[in-house]
PDB file of N, CA and C in Angstrom:
ATOM      1  N   UNK A   1     -73.374 -87.250   7.370  1.00  0.00           N
ATOM      2  CA  UNK A   1     -74.210 -86.223   7.984  1.00  0.00           C
ATOM      3  C   UNK A   1     -74.995 -86.852   9.130  1.00  0.00           C
ATOM      4  N   UNK A   2     -75.026 -86.187  10.258  1.00  0.00           N
ATOM      5  CA  UNK A   2     -75.720 -86.685  11.441  1.00  0.00           C
ATOM      6  C   UNK A   2     -77.228 -86.536  11.276  1.00  0.00           C
ATOM      7  N   UNK A   3     -77.952 -87.636  11.501  1.00  0.00           N
ATOM      8  CA  UNK A   3     -79.414 -87.604  11.390  1.00  0.00           C
ATOM      9  C   UNK A   3     -79.995 -87.016  12.668  1.00  0.00           C
ATOM     10  N   UNK A   4     -80.837 -85.997  12.521  1.00  0.00           N
ATOM     11  CA  UNK A   4     -81.472 -85.368  13.678  1.00  0.00           C
ATOM     12  C   UNK A   4     -82.723 -86.139  14.067  1.00  0.00           C
ATOM     13  N   UNK A   5     -82.887 -86.364  15.359  1.00  0.00           N
ATOM     14  CA  UNK A   5     -84.084 -87.023  15.853  1.00  0.00           C
ATOM     15  C   UNK A   5     -85.237 -86.017  15.830  1.00  0.00           C
ATOM     16  N   UNK A   6     -86.358 -86.438  15.279  1.00  0.00           N
ATOM     17  CA  UNK A   6     -87.511 -85.548  15.228  1.00  0.00           C
ATOM     18  C   UNK A   6     -88.133 -85.422  16.607  1.00  0.00           C
ATOM     19  N   UNK A   7     -88.599 -84.240  16.903  1.00  0.00           N
ATOM     20  CA  UNK A   7     -89.253 -84.012  18.180  1.00  0.00           C
ATOM     21  C   UNK A   7     -90.647 -84.618  18.187  1.00  0.00           C
ATOM     22  N   UNK A   8     -91.053 -85.079  19.356  1.00  0.00           N
ATOM     23  CA  UNK A   8     -92.410 -85.569  19.547  1.00  0.00           C
ATOM     24  C   UNK A   8     -93.220 -84.457  20.197  1.00  0.00           C
ATOM     25  N   UNK A   9     -94.362 -84.163  19.605  1.00  0.00           N
ATOM     26  CA  UNK A   9     -95.229 -83.082  20.078  1.00  0.00           C
ATOM     27  C   UNK A   9     -96.572 -83.680  20.469  1.00  0.00           C
ATOM     28  N   UNK A  10     -97.044 -83.322  21.656  1.00  0.00           N
ATOM     29  CA  UNK A  10     -98.365 -83.731  22.131  1.00  0.00           C
ATOM     30  C   UNK A  10     -99.243 -82.492  22.205  1.00  0.00           C
ATOM     31  N   UNK A  11    -100.296 -82.456  21.397  1.00  0.00           N
ATOM     32  CA  UNK A  11    -101.250 -81.347  21.408  1.00  0.00           C
ATOM     33  C   UNK A  11    -102.497 -81.805  22.168  1.00  0.00           C
ATOM     34  N   UNK A  12    -102.891 -81.027  23.165  1.00  0.00           N
ATOM     35  CA  UNK A  12    -104.024 -81.348  24.024  1.00  0.00           C
ATOM     36  C   UNK A  12    -105.133 -80.326  23.785  1.00  0.00           C
ATOM     37  N   UNK A  13    -106.364 -80.809  23.618  1.00  0.00           N
ATOM     38  CA  UNK A  13    -107.511 -79.917  23.425  1.00  0.00           C
ATOM     39  C   UNK A  13    -108.649 -80.346  24.344  1.00  0.00           C
ATOM     40  N   UNK A  14    -108.761 -79.718  25.520  1.00  0.00           N
ATOM     41  CA  UNK A  14    -109.909 -80.015  26.380  1.00  0.00           C
ATOM     42  C   UNK A  14    -111.198 -79.564  25.701  1.00  0.00           C
ATOM     43  N   UNK A  15    -112.191 -80.422  25.742  1.00  0.00           N
ATOM     44  CA  UNK A  15    -113.480 -80.131  25.119  1.00  0.00           C
ATOM     45  C   UNK A  15    -114.584 -80.402  26.132  1.00  0.00           C
ATOM     46  N   UNK A  16    -115.787 -80.008  25.804  1.00  0.00           N
ATOM     47  CA  UNK A  16    -116.913 -80.181  26.717  1.00  0.00           C
ATOM     48  C   UNK A  16    -117.100 -81.654  27.085  1.00  0.00           C
ATOM     49  N   UNK A  17    -116.933 -82.552  26.123  1.00  0.00           N
ATOM     50  CA  UNK A  17    -117.147 -83.982  26.364  1.00  0.00           C
ATOM     51  C   UNK A  17    -115.983 -84.676  27.048  1.00  0.00           C
ATOM     52  N   UNK A  18    -114.821 -84.047  27.112  1.00  0.00           N
ATOM     53  CA  UNK A  18    -113.654 -84.692  27.699  1.00  0.00           C
ATOM     54  C   UNK A  18    -112.367 -84.055  27.226  1.00  0.00           C
ATOM     55  N   UNK A  19    -111.562 -84.834  26.469  1.00  0.00           N
ATOM     56  CA  UNK A  19    -110.275 -84.309  26.018  1.00  0.00           C
ATOM     57  C   UNK A  19    -109.911 -84.910  24.662  1.00  0.00           C
ATOM     58  N   UNK A  20    -109.422 -84.056  23.776  1.00  0.00           N
ATOM     59  CA  UNK A  20    -108.921 -84.505  22.490  1.00  0.00           C
ATOM     60  C   UNK A  20    -107.409 -84.355  22.474  1.00  0.00           C
ATOM     61  N   UNK A  21    -106.742 -85.173  21.671  1.00  0.00           N
ATOM     62  CA  UNK A  21    -105.283 -85.088  21.606  1.00  0.00           C
ATOM     63  C   UNK A  21    -104.791 -85.531  20.234  1.00  0.00           C
ATOM     64  N   UNK A  22    -103.610 -85.035  19.877  1.00  0.00           N
ATOM     65  CA  UNK A  22    -102.887 -85.503  18.702  1.00  0.00           C
ATOM     66  C   UNK A  22    -101.412 -85.560  19.070  1.00  0.00           C
ATOM     67  N   UNK A  23    -100.752 -86.628  18.646  1.00  0.00           N
ATOM     68  CA  UNK A  23     -99.318 -86.782  18.850  1.00  0.00           C
ATOM     69  C   UNK A  23     -98.655 -86.707  17.477  1.00  0.00           C
ATOM     70  N   UNK A  24     -97.628 -85.859  17.370  1.00  0.00           N
ATOM     71  CA  UNK A  24     -96.889 -85.683  16.122  1.00  0.00           C
ATOM     72  C   UNK A  24     -95.436 -86.088  16.314  1.00  0.00           C
ATOM     73  N   UNK A  25     -94.859 -86.670  15.283  1.00  0.00           N
ATOM     74  CA  UNK A  25     -93.410 -86.794  15.195  1.00  0.00           C
ATOM     75  C   UNK A  25     -92.987 -85.789  14.144  1.00  0.00           C
ATOM     76  N   UNK A  26     -92.256 -84.793  14.570  1.00  0.00           N
ATOM     77  CA  UNK A  26     -91.921 -83.708  13.657  1.00  0.00           C
ATOM     78  C   UNK A  26     -93.104 -82.766  13.513  1.00  0.00           C
ATOM     79  N   UNK A  27     -92.975 -81.855  12.564  1.00  0.00           N
ATOM     80  CA  UNK A  27     -93.979 -80.801  12.418  1.00  0.00           C
ATOM     81  C   UNK A  27     -95.268 -81.243  11.751  1.00  0.00           C
ATOM     82  N   UNK A  28     -95.208 -82.280  10.913  1.00  0.00           N
ATOM     83  CA  UNK A  28     -96.398 -82.590  10.122  1.00  0.00           C
ATOM     84  C   UNK A  28     -96.708 -84.081  10.006  1.00  0.00           C
ATOM     85  N   UNK A  29     -96.236 -84.882  10.956  1.00  0.00           N
ATOM     86  CA  UNK A  29     -96.462 -86.315  10.870  1.00  0.00           C
ATOM     87  C   UNK A  29     -97.259 -86.806  12.082  1.00  0.00           C
ATOM     88  N   UNK A  30     -98.604 -86.770  12.017  1.00  0.00           N
ATOM     89  CA  UNK A  30     -99.385 -87.265  13.149  1.00  0.00           C
ATOM     90  C   UNK A  30     -99.243 -88.788  13.272  1.00  0.00           C
ATOM     91  N   UNK A  31     -98.995 -89.250  14.507  1.00  0.00           N
ATOM     92  CA  UNK A  31     -98.836 -90.692  14.710  1.00  0.00           C
ATOM     93  C   UNK A  31     -99.946 -91.292  15.579  1.00  0.00           C
ATOM     94  N   UNK A  32    -100.666 -90.453  16.303  1.00  0.00           N
ATOM     95  CA  UNK A  32    -101.803 -90.931  17.104  1.00  0.00           C
ATOM     96  C   UNK A  32    -102.707 -89.754  17.404  1.00  0.00           C
ATOM     97  N   UNK A  33    -103.986 -90.014  17.566  1.00  0.00           N
ATOM     98  CA  UNK A  33    -104.955 -88.974  17.881  1.00  0.00           C
ATOM     99  C   UNK A  33    -106.202 -89.640  18.418  1.00  0.00           C
ATOM    100  N   UNK A  34    -107.028 -88.828  19.072  1.00  0.00           N
ATOM    101  CA  UNK A  34    -108.278 -89.372  19.576  1.00  0.00           C
ATOM    102  C   UNK A  34    -109.007 -88.411  20.479  1.00  0.00           C
ATOM    103  N   UNK A  35    -110.167 -88.848  20.908  1.00  0.00           N
ATOM    104  CA  UNK A  35    -111.003 -88.112  21.848  1.00  0.00           C
ATOM    105  C   UNK A  35    -111.399 -89.088  22.941  1.00  0.00           C
ATOM    106  N   UNK A  36    -111.217 -88.677  24.179  1.00  0.00           N
ATOM    107  CA  UNK A  36    -111.644 -89.472  25.321  1.00  0.00           C
ATOM    108  C   UNK A  36    -112.867 -88.801  25.919  1.00  0.00           C
ATOM    109  N   UNK A  37    -114.001 -89.484  25.879  1.00  0.00           N
ATOM    110  CA  UNK A  37    -115.223 -88.953  26.475  1.00  0.00           C
ATOM    111  C   UNK A  37    -115.208 -89.228  27.974  1.00  0.00           C
ATOM    112  N   UNK A  38    -115.461 -88.177  28.735  1.00  0.00           N
ATOM    113  CA  UNK A  38    -115.437 -88.279  30.199  1.00  0.00           C
ATOM    114  C   UNK A  38    -116.720 -87.649  30.726  1.00  0.00           C
ATOM    115  N   UNK A  39    -117.410 -88.376  31.590  1.00  0.00           N
ATOM    116  CA  UNK A  39    -118.687 -87.870  32.114  1.00  0.00           C
ATOM    117  C   UNK A  39    -118.614 -87.402  33.563  1.00  0.00           C
ATOM    118  N   UNK A  40    -117.804 -88.061  34.376  1.00  0.00           N
ATOM    119  CA  UNK A  40    -117.740 -87.752  35.809  1.00  0.00           C
ATOM    120  C   UNK A  40    -116.324 -87.313  36.158  1.00  0.00           C
ATOM    121  N   UNK A  41    -116.196 -86.325  37.046  1.00  0.00           N
ATOM    122  CA  UNK A  41    -114.884 -85.823  37.470  1.00  0.00           C
ATOM    123  C   UNK A  41    -114.015 -85.487  36.263  1.00  0.00           C
ATOM    124  N   UNK A  42    -114.524 -84.663  35.373  1.00  0.00           N
ATOM    125  CA  UNK A  42    -113.882 -84.413  34.084  1.00  0.00           C
ATOM    126  C   UNK A  42    -112.447 -83.921  34.211  1.00  0.00           C
ATOM    127  N   UNK A  43    -112.201 -82.935  35.077  1.00  0.00           N
ATOM    128  CA  UNK A  43    -110.841 -82.401  35.161  1.00  0.00           C
ATOM    129  C   UNK A  43    -109.871 -83.431  35.728  1.00  0.00           C
ATOM    130  N   UNK A  44    -110.260 -84.113  36.783  1.00  0.00           N
ATOM    131  CA  UNK A  44    -109.380 -85.115  37.385  1.00  0.00           C
ATOM    132  C   UNK A  44    -109.063 -86.224  36.383  1.00  0.00           C
ATOM    133  N   UNK A  45    -110.080 -86.764  35.752  1.00  0.00           N
ATOM    134  CA  UNK A  45    -109.873 -87.868  34.813  1.00  0.00           C
ATOM    135  C   UNK A  45    -109.151 -87.405  33.548  1.00  0.00           C
ATOM    136  N   UNK A  46    -109.348 -86.149  33.156  1.00  0.00           N
ATOM    137  CA  UNK A  46    -108.604 -85.603  32.016  1.00  0.00           C
ATOM    138  C   UNK A  46    -107.119 -85.500  32.348  1.00  0.00           C
ATOM    139  N   UNK A  47    -106.802 -85.054  33.568  1.00  0.00           N
ATOM    140  CA  UNK A  47    -105.399 -84.976  33.986  1.00  0.00           C
ATOM    141  C   UNK A  47    -104.760 -86.359  34.019  1.00  0.00           C
ATOM    142  N   UNK A  48    -105.495 -87.358  34.461  1.00  0.00           N
ATOM    143  CA  UNK A  48    -104.987 -88.735  34.455  1.00  0.00           C
ATOM    144  C   UNK A  48    -104.668 -89.164  33.026  1.00  0.00           C
ATOM    145  N   UNK A  49    -105.553 -88.856  32.089  1.00  0.00           N
ATOM    146  CA  UNK A  49    -105.342 -89.199  30.677  1.00  0.00           C
ATOM    147  C   UNK A  49    -104.105 -88.494  30.131  1.00  0.00           C
ATOM    148  N   UNK A  50    -103.951 -87.208  30.445  1.00  0.00           N
ATOM    149  CA  UNK A  50    -102.792 -86.453  29.966  1.00  0.00           C
ATOM    150  C   UNK A  50    -101.501 -87.058  30.519  1.00  0.00           C
ATOM    151  N   UNK A  51    -101.491 -87.414  31.798  1.00  0.00           N
ATOM    152  CA  UNK A  51    -100.302 -88.030  32.396  1.00  0.00           C
ATOM    153  C   UNK A  51     -99.955 -89.339  31.700  1.00  0.00           C
ATOM    154  N   UNK A  52    -100.967 -90.132  31.349  1.00  0.00           N
ATOM    155  CA  UNK A  52    -100.732 -91.395  30.635  1.00  0.00           C
ATOM    156  C   UNK A  52    -100.156 -91.136  29.244  1.00  0.00           C
ATOM    157  N   UNK A  53    -100.682 -90.129  28.554  1.00  0.00           N
ATOM    158  CA  UNK A  53    -100.165 -89.791  27.228  1.00  0.00           C
ATOM    159  C   UNK A  53     -98.708 -89.337  27.301  1.00  0.00           C
ATOM    160  N   UNK A  54     -98.397 -88.523  28.299  1.00  0.00           N
ATOM    161  CA  UNK A  54     -97.023 -88.042  28.470  1.00  0.00           C
ATOM    162  C   UNK A  54     -96.091 -89.213  28.793  1.00  0.00           C
ATOM    163  N   UNK A  55     -96.525 -90.117  29.662  1.00  0.00           N
ATOM    164  CA  UNK A  55     -95.703 -91.278  30.011  1.00  0.00           C
ATOM    165  C   UNK A  55     -95.494 -92.178  28.794  1.00  0.00           C
ATOM    166  N   UNK A  56     -96.508 -92.338  27.982  1.00  0.00           N
ATOM    167  CA  UNK A  56     -96.433 -93.222  26.823  1.00  0.00           C
ATOM    168  C   UNK A  56     -95.537 -92.652  25.718  1.00  0.00           C
ATOM    169  N   UNK A  57     -95.742 -91.393  25.363  1.00  0.00           N
ATOM    170  CA  UNK A  57     -95.057 -90.804  24.212  1.00  0.00           C
ATOM    171  C   UNK A  57     -93.817 -89.996  24.573  1.00  0.00           C
ATOM    172  N   UNK A  58     -93.671 -89.610  25.821  1.00  0.00           N
ATOM    173  CA  UNK A  58     -92.540 -88.803  26.284  1.00  0.00           C
ATOM    174  C   UNK A  58     -92.254 -87.642  25.324  1.00  0.00           C
ATOM    175  N   UNK A  59     -93.236 -86.751  25.157  1.00  0.00           N
ATOM    176  CA  UNK A  59     -93.079 -85.668  24.181  1.00  0.00           C
ATOM    177  C   UNK A  59     -92.005 -84.665  24.594  1.00  0.00           C
ATOM    178  N   UNK A  60     -91.393 -84.058  23.589  1.00  0.00           N
ATOM    179  CA  UNK A  60     -90.463 -82.957  23.821  1.00  0.00           C
ATOM    180  C   UNK A  60     -91.225 -81.669  24.089  1.00  0.00           C
ATOM    181  N   UNK A  61     -92.436 -81.586  23.524  1.00  0.00           N
ATOM    182  CA  UNK A  61     -93.258 -80.378  23.612  1.00  0.00           C
ATOM    183  C   UNK A  61     -94.707 -80.777  23.851  1.00  0.00           C
ATOM    184  N   UNK A  62     -95.382 -80.044  24.746  1.00  0.00           N
ATOM    185  CA  UNK A  62     -96.824 -80.196  24.936  1.00  0.00           C
ATOM    186  C   UNK A  62     -97.461 -78.872  24.537  1.00  0.00           C
ATOM    187  N   UNK A  63     -98.425 -78.923  23.630  1.00  0.00           N
ATOM    188  CA  UNK A  63     -99.081 -77.727  23.110  1.00  0.00           C
ATOM    189  C   UNK A  63    -100.460 -77.605  23.746  1.00  0.00           C
ATOM    190  N   UNK A  64    -100.723 -76.415  24.318  1.00  0.00           N
ATOM    191  CA  UNK A  64    -102.006 -76.109  24.950  1.00  0.00           C
ATOM    192  C   UNK A  64    -102.523 -74.780  24.436  1.00  0.00           C
ATOM    193  N   UNK A  65    -103.816 -74.602  24.516  1.00  0.00           N
ATOM    194  CA  UNK A  65    -104.450 -73.337  24.131  1.00  0.00           C
ATOM    195  C   UNK A  65    -104.098 -72.255  25.145  1.00  0.00           C
ATOM    196  N   UNK A  66    -103.886 -71.039  24.665  1.00  0.00           N
ATOM    197  CA  UNK A  66    -103.698 -69.880  25.541  1.00  0.00           C
ATOM    198  C   UNK A  66    -105.052 -69.521  26.139  1.00  0.00           C
ATOM    199  N   UNK A  67    -105.118 -69.362  27.454  1.00  0.00           N
ATOM    200  CA  UNK A  67    -106.411 -69.117  28.101  1.00  0.00           C
ATOM    201  C   UNK A  67    -106.675 -67.649  28.408  1.00  0.00           C
ATOM    202  N   UNK A  68    -105.693 -66.772  28.269  1.00  0.00           N
ATOM    203  CA  UNK A  68    -105.922 -65.347  28.544  1.00  0.00           C
ATOM    204  C   UNK A  68    -106.921 -64.790  27.543  1.00  0.00           C
ATOM    205  N   UNK A  69    -108.004 -64.239  28.053  1.00  0.00           N
ATOM    206  CA  UNK A  69    -109.038 -63.671  27.197  1.00  0.00           C
ATOM    207  C   UNK A  69    -109.915 -64.714  26.519  1.00  0.00           C
ATOM    208  N   UNK A  70    -109.773 -65.959  26.917  1.00  0.00           N
ATOM    209  CA  UNK A  70    -110.530 -67.045  26.302  1.00  0.00           C
ATOM    210  C   UNK A  70    -111.990 -67.020  26.735  1.00  0.00           C
ATOM    211  N   UNK A  71    -112.863 -67.415  25.841  1.00  0.00           N
ATOM    212  CA  UNK A  71    -114.281 -67.520  26.161  1.00  0.00           C
ATOM    213  C   UNK A  71    -114.656 -68.946  26.564  1.00  0.00           C
ATOM    214  N   UNK A  72    -113.642 -69.810  26.749  1.00  0.00           N
ATOM    215  CA  UNK A  72    -113.890 -71.192  27.127  1.00  0.00           C
ATOM    216  C   UNK A  72    -114.516 -71.260  28.519  1.00  0.00           C
ATOM    217  N   UNK A  73    -115.197 -72.366  28.808  1.00  0.00           N
ATOM    218  CA  UNK A  73    -115.802 -72.572  30.123  1.00  0.00           C
ATOM    219  C   UNK A  73    -114.746 -72.460  31.210  1.00  0.00           C
ATOM    220  N   UNK A  74    -115.177 -72.026  32.379  1.00  0.00           N
ATOM    221  CA  UNK A  74    -114.268 -71.903  33.511  1.00  0.00           C
ATOM    222  C   UNK A  74    -113.595 -73.238  33.820  1.00  0.00           C
ATOM    223  N   UNK A  75    -114.347 -74.340  33.751  1.00  0.00           N
ATOM    224  CA  UNK A  75    -113.789 -75.661  34.027  1.00  0.00           C
ATOM    225  C   UNK A  75    -112.645 -75.980  33.065  1.00  0.00           C
ATOM    226  N   UNK A  76    -112.826 -75.667  31.813  1.00  0.00           N
ATOM    227  CA  UNK A  76    -111.803 -75.965  30.817  1.00  0.00           C
ATOM    228  C   UNK A  76    -110.585 -75.066  31.005  1.00  0.00           C
ATOM    229  N   UNK A  77    -110.795 -73.794  31.317  1.00  0.00           N
ATOM    230  CA  UNK A  77    -109.663 -72.898  31.583  1.00  0.00           C
ATOM    231  C   UNK A  77    -108.848 -73.399  32.769  1.00  0.00           C
ATOM    232  N   UNK A  78    -109.533 -73.863  33.827  1.00  0.00           N
ATOM    233  CA  UNK A  78    -108.828 -74.407  34.989  1.00  0.00           C
ATOM    234  C   UNK A  78    -108.055 -75.672  34.633  1.00  0.00           C
ATOM    235  N   UNK A  79    -108.642 -76.522  33.799  1.00  0.00           N
ATOM    236  CA  UNK A  79    -107.969 -77.740  33.379  1.00  0.00           C
ATOM    237  C   UNK A  79    -106.695 -77.406  32.596  1.00  0.00           C
ATOM    238  N   UNK A  80    -106.791 -76.473  31.666  1.00  0.00           N
ATOM    239  CA  UNK A  80    -105.613 -76.089  30.872  1.00  0.00           C
ATOM    240  C   UNK A  80    -104.517 -75.558  31.789  1.00  0.00           C
ATOM    241  N   UNK A  81    -104.881 -74.731  32.757  1.00  0.00           N
ATOM    242  CA  UNK A  81    -103.875 -74.212  33.692  1.00  0.00           C
ATOM    243  C   UNK A  81    -103.280 -75.329  34.545  1.00  0.00           C
ATOM    244  N   UNK A  82    -104.061 -76.346  34.858  1.00  0.00           N
ATOM    245  CA  UNK A  82    -103.552 -77.491  35.633  1.00  0.00           C
ATOM    246  C   UNK A  82    -102.539 -78.290  34.830  1.00  0.00           C
ATOM    247  N   UNK A  83    -102.750 -78.404  33.543  1.00  0.00           N
ATOM    248  CA  UNK A  83    -101.836 -79.146  32.684  1.00  0.00           C
ATOM    249  C   UNK A  83    -100.544 -78.356  32.495  1.00  0.00           C
ATOM    250  N   UNK A  84    -100.673 -77.049  32.368  1.00  0.00           N
ATOM    251  CA  UNK A  84     -99.537 -76.172  32.149  1.00  0.00           C
ATOM    252  C   UNK A  84     -98.602 -76.284  33.320  1.00  0.00           C
TER     253      UNK A  84
END
């Protein structure tokens, strides 16, 4: 039987302090996670962090929050759309 390679999933959660992330192999196996605190140029530096995570883990899927109708800060909504 052929062994299927599990997909790598990168979940991104922009937060007021910066950006949170979790990397999964398969549906329920977290392999890395963390929060990066960012004080200056939050959106730019958050995008740099996301690019580094994508380069490092090469995910098959990136999961982001849906922003339509969201009550999140305008800065965070713009960041999510930039990542998308």
